[in-house]
Amino acid sequence: MSAEFDALEALIPPPGPELPEPDWIGLEERLGVRLPFDYKRLVRTYGQGSFDGFLWVLQPSAANQNLDLELQRVVRVDALRTLLSMGEAVPYGLGPGQEELLPWAFTDNGDVCFWVTSGSADPDQWRVAINEARGPLWETFDGSASAFLVAVLSGAVHIGVFPDDFPSEAPAFEPL
């Protein structure tokens, strides 16, 4: 997994020195799951901001509620539950306390990147599921958050629900 993160740093240099460690233990206790190592490294290394002005990584205890991992977990899963109750197909379990999805990023268009937590007890083995904003389409990526970012931002993988002009020819990270 370190090689994937190293590839991300080579593709998109971090904006500055590493940030202080959030309270990972408290956060994981509140969420009821351990978080992937590469996500923790992503938060420490890049902090709040967007990749290529479009893709935002949720953060622990973010002052901006739209970026707060804990709050967005509730908001995004509740939105999926509402869609499910209205007849839209959601290919993952959403039962209380048994959610198979945990959001970790979103786009300016409202697409959401989730970890599929049901695939493994090891969070470093979770894959990524992307849900189209305002639509029923889902795509999956078999890899970590950092592998997903490298694949998408390098142009090696195109996610169909993302716009054709993303990423740009020179993707960058824009800190808040």
Protein backbone atom coordinates (compact mmCIF):
# COMPACT_ATOMS: atom_id res chain seq x y z
CA MET A 1 0.00 0.00 0.00
CA SER A 2 2.93 2.31 0.56
CA ALA A 3 3.84 2.07 -3.13
CA GLU A 4 0.36 3.29 -4.07
CA PHE A 5 0.64 6.26 -1.75
CA ASP A 6 4.16 7.01 -2.96
CA ALA A 7 2.76 7.03 -6.51
CA LEU A 8 0.11 9.55 -5.42
CA GLU A 9 2.74 11.82 -3.90
CA ALA A 10 4.82 11.57 -7.09
CA LEU A 11 1.79 12.37 -9.26
CA ILE A 12 0.47 15.16 -7.04
CA PRO A 13 2.99 16.59 -4.58
CA PRO A 14 1.54 17.33 -1.12
CA PRO A 15 0.90 20.99 -0.29
CA GLY A 16 3.28 21.17 2.68
CA PRO A 17 4.50 19.39 5.79
CA GLU A 18 2.44 16.61 7.35
CA LEU A 19 -0.42 17.76 9.56
CA PRO A 20 -0.97 16.70 13.19
CA GLU A 21 -2.54 13.32 13.83
CA PRO A 22 -6.29 13.41 14.42
CA ASP A 23 -7.71 11.36 17.29
CA TRP A 24 -7.95 8.18 15.22
CA ILE A 25 -8.82 5.95 18.17
CA GLY A 26 -11.74 8.14 19.26
CA LEU A 27 -12.95 8.51 15.67
CA GLU A 28 -12.80 4.78 15.01
CA GLU A 29 -14.66 4.07 18.26
CA ARG A 30 -17.43 6.49 17.27
CA LEU A 31 -17.63 5.06 13.73
CA GLY A 32 -17.47 1.48 14.97
CA VAL A 33 -14.83 0.54 12.37
CA ARG A 34 -11.09 0.82 11.88
CA LEU A 35 -10.09 3.09 9.03
CA PRO A 36 -7.64 2.21 6.26
CA PHE A 37 -4.01 3.12 6.84
CA ASP A 38 -3.74 4.89 3.47
CA TYR A 39 -6.72 7.12 4.34
CA LYS A 40 -5.00 8.16 7.56
CA ARG A 41 -1.86 8.94 5.60
CA LEU A 42 -3.93 10.85 3.01
CA VAL A 43 -5.47 13.05 5.72
CA ARG A 44 -2.09 13.71 7.38
CA THR A 45 -0.30 14.39 4.11
CA TYR A 46 -2.85 16.43 2.13
CA GLY A 47 -5.36 17.71 4.69
CA GLN A 48 -8.48 19.56 3.65
CA GLY A 49 -8.85 20.52 0.03
CA SER A 50 -9.68 19.05 -3.34
CA PHE A 51 -7.94 17.05 -5.98
CA ASP A 52 -8.08 18.94 -9.26
CA GLY A 53 -10.73 21.28 -7.84
CA PHE A 54 -13.31 18.49 -8.06
CA LEU A 55 -12.73 15.52 -5.73
CA TRP A 56 -12.87 16.17 -1.97
CA VAL A 57 -11.65 13.73 0.70
CA LEU A 58 -13.75 13.71 3.87
CA GLN A 59 -11.84 14.65 7.00
CA PRO A 60 -12.07 13.80 10.71
CA SER A 61 -13.55 16.64 12.77
CA ALA A 62 -13.64 19.10 9.86
CA ALA A 63 -15.04 22.54 10.69
CA ASN A 64 -16.78 22.50 7.30
CA GLN A 65 -19.71 20.12 7.81
CA ASN A 66 -19.65 19.14 4.13
CA LEU A 67 -16.16 17.70 4.68
CA ASP A 68 -16.71 16.09 8.08
CA LEU A 69 -16.36 12.32 7.85
CA GLU A 70 -18.63 11.48 10.79
CA LEU A 71 -21.45 13.80 9.77
CA GLN A 72 -21.28 12.85 6.10
CA ARG A 73 -21.45 9.18 7.02
CA VAL A 74 -24.90 9.82 8.50
CA VAL A 75 -26.00 12.18 5.71
CA ARG A 76 -24.86 10.00 2.81
CA VAL A 77 -26.12 6.68 4.22
CA ASP A 78 -29.47 8.23 5.17
CA ALA A 79 -29.80 9.58 1.62
CA LEU A 80 -29.23 6.08 0.26
CA ARG A 81 -31.80 4.67 2.67
CA THR A 82 -34.32 7.22 1.42
CA LEU A 83 -33.63 6.27 -2.19
CA LEU A 84 -33.97 2.60 -1.28
CA SER A 85 -37.34 3.25 0.38
CA MET A 86 -38.47 4.97 -2.84
CA GLY A 87 -37.65 1.91 -4.92
CA GLU A 88 -34.16 2.73 -6.18
CA ALA A 89 -31.77 -0.20 -6.19
CA VAL A 90 -28.83 0.12 -3.84
CA PRO A 91 -26.45 -2.83 -4.25
CA TYR A 92 -25.18 -2.75 -0.65
CA GLY A 93 -26.72 -3.39 2.75
CA LEU A 94 -27.84 -0.33 4.69
CA GLY A 95 -29.40 -1.86 7.80
CA PRO A 96 -28.78 0.12 11.01
CA GLY A 97 -25.47 -0.95 12.45
CA GLN A 98 -24.87 -3.18 9.42
CA GLU A 99 -24.07 -0.59 6.78
CA GLU A 100 -21.78 -1.97 4.09
CA LEU A 101 -20.76 1.51 2.91
CA LEU A 102 -18.68 4.27 4.46
CA PRO A 103 -18.23 7.49 2.45
CA TRP A 104 -14.70 8.85 2.17
CA ALA A 105 -14.87 11.34 -0.72
CA PHE A 106 -17.29 13.21 -2.95
CA THR A 107 -17.21 15.35 -6.07
CA ASP A 108 -18.45 18.84 -6.83
CA ASN A 109 -21.23 17.14 -8.81
CA GLY A 110 -22.37 15.20 -5.74
CA ASP A 111 -21.00 11.78 -6.74
CA VAL A 112 -19.88 9.86 -3.64
CA CYS A 113 -16.94 7.52 -3.19
CA PHE A 114 -17.59 4.89 -0.54
CA TRP A 115 -15.52 2.12 0.94
CA VAL A 116 -17.29 -1.22 0.72
CA THR A 117 -16.72 -2.38 4.28
CA SER A 118 -18.37 -5.77 3.90
CA GLY A 119 -15.68 -7.23 1.66
CA SER A 120 -13.09 -7.68 4.39
CA ALA A 121 -12.57 -7.24 8.12
CA ASP A 122 -9.26 -5.60 7.16
CA PRO A 123 -9.95 -1.97 6.17
CA ASP A 124 -6.79 -1.94 4.06
CA GLN A 125 -8.52 -4.47 1.79
CA TRP A 126 -11.74 -2.49 1.24
CA ARG A 127 -12.61 -1.61 -2.34
CA VAL A 128 -14.14 1.64 -3.55
CA ALA A 129 -17.71 2.05 -4.81
CA ILE A 130 -18.71 5.24 -6.62
CA ASN A 131 -22.35 6.33 -6.69
CA GLU A 132 -23.58 8.74 -9.31
CA ALA A 133 -25.20 11.92 -8.04
CA ARG A 134 -28.86 12.20 -8.91
CA GLY A 135 -28.83 8.78 -10.51
CA PRO A 136 -28.77 5.05 -9.83
CA LEU A 137 -25.39 4.19 -11.38
CA TRP A 138 -22.70 2.51 -9.30
CA GLU A 139 -19.13 1.66 -10.28
CA THR A 140 -16.49 -0.18 -8.30
CA PHE A 141 -12.73 0.00 -8.10
CA ASP A 142 -10.73 -2.85 -6.59
CA GLY A 143 -8.15 -0.98 -4.60
CA SER A 144 -7.47 1.47 -1.82
CA ALA A 145 -8.33 5.16 -1.71
CA SER A 146 -4.80 6.13 -2.75
CA ALA A 147 -4.77 3.55 -5.57
CA PHE A 148 -8.12 4.93 -6.73
CA LEU A 149 -6.81 8.50 -6.69
CA VAL A 150 -3.68 7.52 -8.64
CA ALA A 151 -5.68 5.56 -11.21
CA VAL A 152 -8.25 8.31 -11.73
CA LEU A 153 -5.98 11.35 -11.53
CA SER A 154 -3.37 9.82 -13.84
CA GLY A 155 -6.07 9.04 -16.40
CA ALA A 156 -5.35 5.29 -16.23
CA VAL A 157 -8.97 4.66 -15.18
CA HIS A 158 -12.01 6.68 -16.18
CA ILE A 159 -15.00 6.59 -13.89
CA GLY A 160 -18.09 6.86 -16.09
CA VAL A 161 -20.05 8.97 -13.64
CA PHE A 162 -17.25 11.58 -13.53
CA PRO A 163 -17.20 14.27 -16.23
CA ASP A 164 -15.04 13.74 -19.30
CA ASP A 165 -12.88 16.77 -18.48
CA PHE A 166 -11.79 15.28 -15.14
CA PRO A 167 -8.98 15.00 -14.44
CA SER A 168 -7.24 17.92 -16.07
CA GLU A 169 -4.00 17.45 -17.98
CA ALA A 170 -2.07 18.63 -14.92
CA PRO A 171 -4.01 17.49 -11.84
CA ALA A 172 -3.11 19.15 -8.57
CA PHE A 173 -4.22 19.31 -4.96
CA GLU A 174 -5.83 22.58 -3.86
CA PRO A 175 -5.72 23.01 -0.05
CA LEU A 176 -8.42 24.96 1.74
